[in-house]
Protein backbone atom coordinates (compact mmCIF):
# COMPACT_ATOMS: atom_id res chain seq x y z
CA MET A 1 -25.40 -23.01 -59.68
CA ASN A 2 -28.22 -25.44 -58.96
CA GLN A 3 -31.08 -24.77 -56.56
CA LYS A 4 -29.50 -26.76 -53.70
CA SER A 5 -26.17 -24.93 -53.94
CA HIS A 6 -27.97 -21.57 -54.09
CA LEU A 7 -29.94 -22.44 -50.95
CA ILE A 8 -26.75 -23.41 -49.07
CA PHE A 9 -25.03 -20.17 -50.17
CA THR A 10 -28.02 -18.13 -49.01
CA LEU A 11 -28.07 -19.84 -45.60
CA TYR A 12 -24.33 -19.23 -45.08
CA THR A 13 -24.77 -15.57 -46.00
CA ILE A 14 -27.61 -15.13 -43.51
CA TYR A 15 -25.59 -16.97 -40.85
CA GLY A 16 -22.63 -14.64 -41.39
CA ILE A 17 -24.83 -11.58 -41.06
CA LEU A 18 -26.33 -12.89 -37.82
CA LEU A 19 -22.85 -13.50 -36.37
CA LYS A 20 -21.84 -9.90 -37.10
CA VAL A 21 -25.02 -8.55 -35.50
CA VAL A 22 -24.51 -10.61 -32.32
CA ALA A 23 -20.85 -9.58 -32.09
CA SER A 24 -21.67 -5.90 -32.54
CA LYS A 25 -24.16 -5.96 -29.64
CA GLY A 26 -21.33 -6.43 -27.16
CA LYS A 27 -19.42 -3.40 -28.42
CA PRO A 28 -20.30 0.21 -27.60
CA ARG A 29 -21.13 2.24 -30.66
CA GLY A 30 -20.81 5.98 -31.00
CA ILE A 31 -21.44 7.92 -27.81
CA SER A 32 -23.19 4.96 -26.16
CA GLY A 33 -19.78 3.70 -25.05
CA GLN A 34 -18.48 7.05 -23.84
CA TYR A 35 -18.35 7.02 -20.06
CA PRO A 36 -15.63 8.84 -18.07
CA LEU A 37 -13.81 6.74 -15.48
CA VAL A 38 -12.25 8.21 -12.31
CA GLN A 39 -11.27 7.02 -8.82
CA ASN A 40 -11.34 8.46 -5.31
CA MET A 41 -8.03 9.80 -4.01
CA THR A 42 -6.45 10.40 -0.58
CA VAL A 43 -3.59 12.81 0.09
CA THR A 44 -1.86 14.25 3.15
CA GLU A 45 -2.14 17.99 3.77
CA GLY A 46 0.73 19.74 2.02
CA GLY A 47 1.23 16.88 -0.43
CA THR A 48 0.56 16.46 -4.15
CA VAL A 49 -2.28 14.49 -5.69
CA THR A 50 -2.79 13.34 -9.29
CA MET A 51 -6.32 12.94 -10.63
CA THR A 52 -6.99 11.06 -13.87
CA CYS A 53 -10.12 10.85 -15.99
CA ARG A 54 -10.21 8.26 -18.77
CA VAL A 55 -12.68 7.35 -21.45
CA GLU A 56 -12.34 4.28 -23.64
CA TYR A 57 -14.43 5.43 -26.59
CA ASN A 58 -14.39 9.04 -27.69
CA ASP A 59 -15.78 10.69 -30.82
CA ASN A 60 -13.56 13.77 -30.67
CA THR A 61 -15.30 14.99 -27.49
CA SER A 62 -13.64 17.16 -24.84
CA LEU A 63 -13.00 16.16 -21.23
CA GLN A 64 -13.19 18.58 -18.30
CA TRP A 65 -12.17 18.54 -14.62
CA SER A 66 -14.03 20.75 -12.12
CA ASN A 67 -13.62 21.23 -8.38
CA PRO A 68 -16.20 20.84 -5.56
CA ALA A 69 -17.37 24.42 -6.18
CA GLN A 70 -18.04 23.42 -9.82
CA GLN A 71 -15.28 25.73 -11.06
CA THR A 72 -13.65 24.41 -14.22
CA LEU A 73 -10.00 23.49 -13.65
CA PHE A 74 -9.09 22.25 -17.12
CA PHE A 75 -11.15 21.95 -20.30
CA GLY A 76 -9.05 19.63 -22.42
CA ASP A 77 -5.57 21.16 -22.37
CA LYS A 78 -6.92 24.64 -21.61
CA LYS A 79 -6.48 25.86 -18.04
CA ALA A 80 -9.55 27.66 -16.72
CA LEU A 81 -8.85 28.39 -13.04
CA ARG A 82 -5.96 30.61 -12.01
CA ASP A 83 -4.39 28.38 -9.39
CA ASN A 84 -0.65 27.84 -9.71
CA ARG A 85 -0.91 24.64 -7.66
CA ILE A 86 -2.89 22.91 -10.42
CA GLU A 87 -1.01 21.67 -13.47
CA LEU A 88 -1.80 19.66 -16.58
CA MET A 89 -0.09 16.29 -16.71
CA HIS A 90 -1.69 14.76 -19.80
CA ALA A 91 -4.48 15.70 -22.20
CA SER A 92 -5.80 13.60 -25.07
CA LEU A 93 -9.13 12.40 -26.42
CA SER A 94 -9.01 9.43 -24.05
CA GLU A 95 -7.45 10.95 -20.92
CA LEU A 96 -7.27 14.14 -18.88
CA THR A 97 -4.82 14.03 -15.97
CA ILE A 98 -4.09 16.95 -13.65
CA SER A 99 -2.02 17.36 -10.49
CA MET A 100 -2.51 19.60 -7.47
CA SER A 101 0.36 20.46 -5.12
CA ASP A 102 0.39 21.98 -1.62
CA VAL A 103 -3.03 20.45 -0.93
CA THR A 104 -4.98 22.02 1.94
CA LEU A 105 -7.91 20.76 3.99
CA THR A 106 -10.21 23.09 2.04
CA ASP A 107 -9.39 21.19 -1.17
CA GLU A 108 -11.28 18.16 0.11
CA GLY A 109 -14.51 17.32 -1.66
CA MET A 110 -16.12 15.89 -4.78
CA TYR A 111 -14.34 16.52 -8.08
CA THR A 112 -16.17 16.00 -11.38
CA CYS A 113 -14.94 14.84 -14.75
CA SER A 114 -17.32 15.73 -17.57
CA LEU A 115 -17.47 14.33 -21.09
CA PHE A 116 -19.31 16.73 -23.39
CA THR A 117 -21.47 14.33 -25.32
CA MET A 118 -25.21 14.84 -25.77
CA PRO A 119 -26.22 14.53 -23.00
CA VAL A 120 -23.13 15.41 -20.96
CA ARG A 121 -21.81 12.43 -19.00
CA THR A 122 -20.02 12.82 -15.70
CA ALA A 123 -18.03 10.82 -13.16
CA LYS A 124 -17.26 11.97 -9.63
CA ALA A 125 -14.14 11.36 -7.54
CA TYR A 126 -13.91 12.24 -3.84
CA LEU A 127 -10.63 13.75 -2.65
CA THR A 128 -9.88 13.06 1.03
CA VAL A 129 -7.26 15.28 2.69
CA LEU A 130 -5.60 14.01 5.87
CA GLY A 131 -4.45 16.63 8.37
CA VAL A 132 -1.02 16.17 9.95
CA PRO A 133 -1.12 16.55 13.76
CA GLU A 134 1.17 19.02 15.45
CA LYS A 135 3.60 17.84 18.11
CA PRO A 136 1.62 16.96 21.26
CA GLU A 137 1.83 19.38 24.18
CA ILE A 138 1.40 18.52 27.86
CA ASP A 139 -0.28 21.06 30.11
CA GLY A 140 -0.39 20.95 33.91
CA LEU A 141 3.25 21.25 34.95
CA THR A 142 3.13 24.94 35.80
CA LYS A 143 5.60 24.63 38.66
CA PRO A 144 7.91 22.00 40.14
CA ALA A 145 6.00 19.30 42.02
CA LEU A 146 7.04 17.57 45.20
CA GLU A 147 6.93 13.84 45.69
CA GLY A 148 3.42 12.87 46.80
CA ASP A 149 1.73 15.86 45.17
CA GLN A 150 -1.26 15.18 42.93
CA ILE A 151 -1.13 16.80 39.50
CA THR A 152 -3.45 16.76 36.50
CA LEU A 153 -1.82 16.48 33.09
CA THR A 154 -3.57 17.33 29.83
CA CYS A 155 -2.21 16.20 26.47
CA MET A 156 -3.28 18.17 23.39
CA THR A 157 -2.51 18.35 19.70
CA GLN A 158 -4.02 20.31 16.83
CA GLY A 159 -4.38 20.00 13.07
CA SER A 160 -5.10 16.28 12.90
CA LYS A 161 -7.74 14.98 10.47
CA PRO A 162 -9.12 12.52 11.35
CA ALA A 163 -8.73 13.04 15.10
CA ALA A 164 -5.36 12.00 16.49
CA ASP A 165 -5.03 8.87 18.63
CA LEU A 166 -3.42 10.24 21.81
CA ARG A 167 -1.85 7.81 24.27
CA TRP A 168 -0.21 8.25 27.65
CA PHE A 169 3.11 6.61 28.54
CA ARG A 170 4.59 6.30 32.01
CA ASN A 171 8.30 5.42 32.16
CA GLU A 172 8.09 4.30 28.50
CA LYS A 173 5.13 1.99 29.24
CA GLU A 174 1.68 2.80 27.92
CA VAL A 175 -1.01 3.70 30.42
CA LYS A 176 -4.06 2.15 28.78
CA GLY A 177 -7.72 3.10 29.16
CA LYS A 178 -7.02 6.61 30.47
CA GLN A 179 -8.20 9.85 28.88
CA HIS A 180 -7.46 12.03 31.91
CA LEU A 181 -4.62 11.42 34.34
CA ASN A 182 -4.42 12.42 37.98
CA LEU A 183 -0.95 11.28 38.95
CA ASN A 184 1.68 11.71 41.61
CA VAL A 185 4.58 10.71 39.34
CA LEU A 186 6.54 13.35 37.46
CA LEU A 187 7.96 11.49 34.43
CA HIS A 188 5.20 11.21 31.81
CA HIS A 189 5.16 11.46 28.06
CA CYS A 190 2.40 11.72 25.50
CA TYR A 191 2.59 10.53 21.91
CA GLY A 192 0.09 11.29 19.16
CA SER A 193 -0.55 9.91 15.70
CA PRO A 194 -3.43 10.28 13.24
CA GLN A 195 -6.00 7.52 13.31
CA SER A 196 -6.77 5.61 10.17
CA PRO A 197 -9.77 7.08 8.33
CA THR A 198 -13.00 5.16 8.84
CA GLN A 199 -13.68 2.85 5.95
């Protein structure tokens, strides 16, 4: 091999090494690419919610779910908290998925997925629980009313989260812009539904 050919070979070798270095910079290496990924969830009271934690790169490191009180729910496939509502759906090096049934309002809060690298890396998911309103009740008709009498009707419901949107209807037509009614008509109905949560 002459000097010119040797120089060309050396330049191609260096060029190949540089290409590999540049390409490797865009790829996570070791624990530097280990970040748990979660998402916020919304569920109706009494329903079931599934919470998933994923990690794309994992060097045989365990994943853990914990509740807002920082109690461990699952460490890998090992259940830590004695709560029959919480079950393991899937456990692997890249994913830890759990489900919780019969959700209550007290279950709302920030849940944490931890990846036990050095240092430990965490991701937080907020669970929003919507309360279902009870059937509205109308108060004020304590005794039969005569035509021309003035009566005050109060419409109430409980258990709604966020607060229920209560509306008055008179003869199947909505009475708009009224929170309190002083009426001399007997046929009134009240309907309630939960408002959409504020974004």
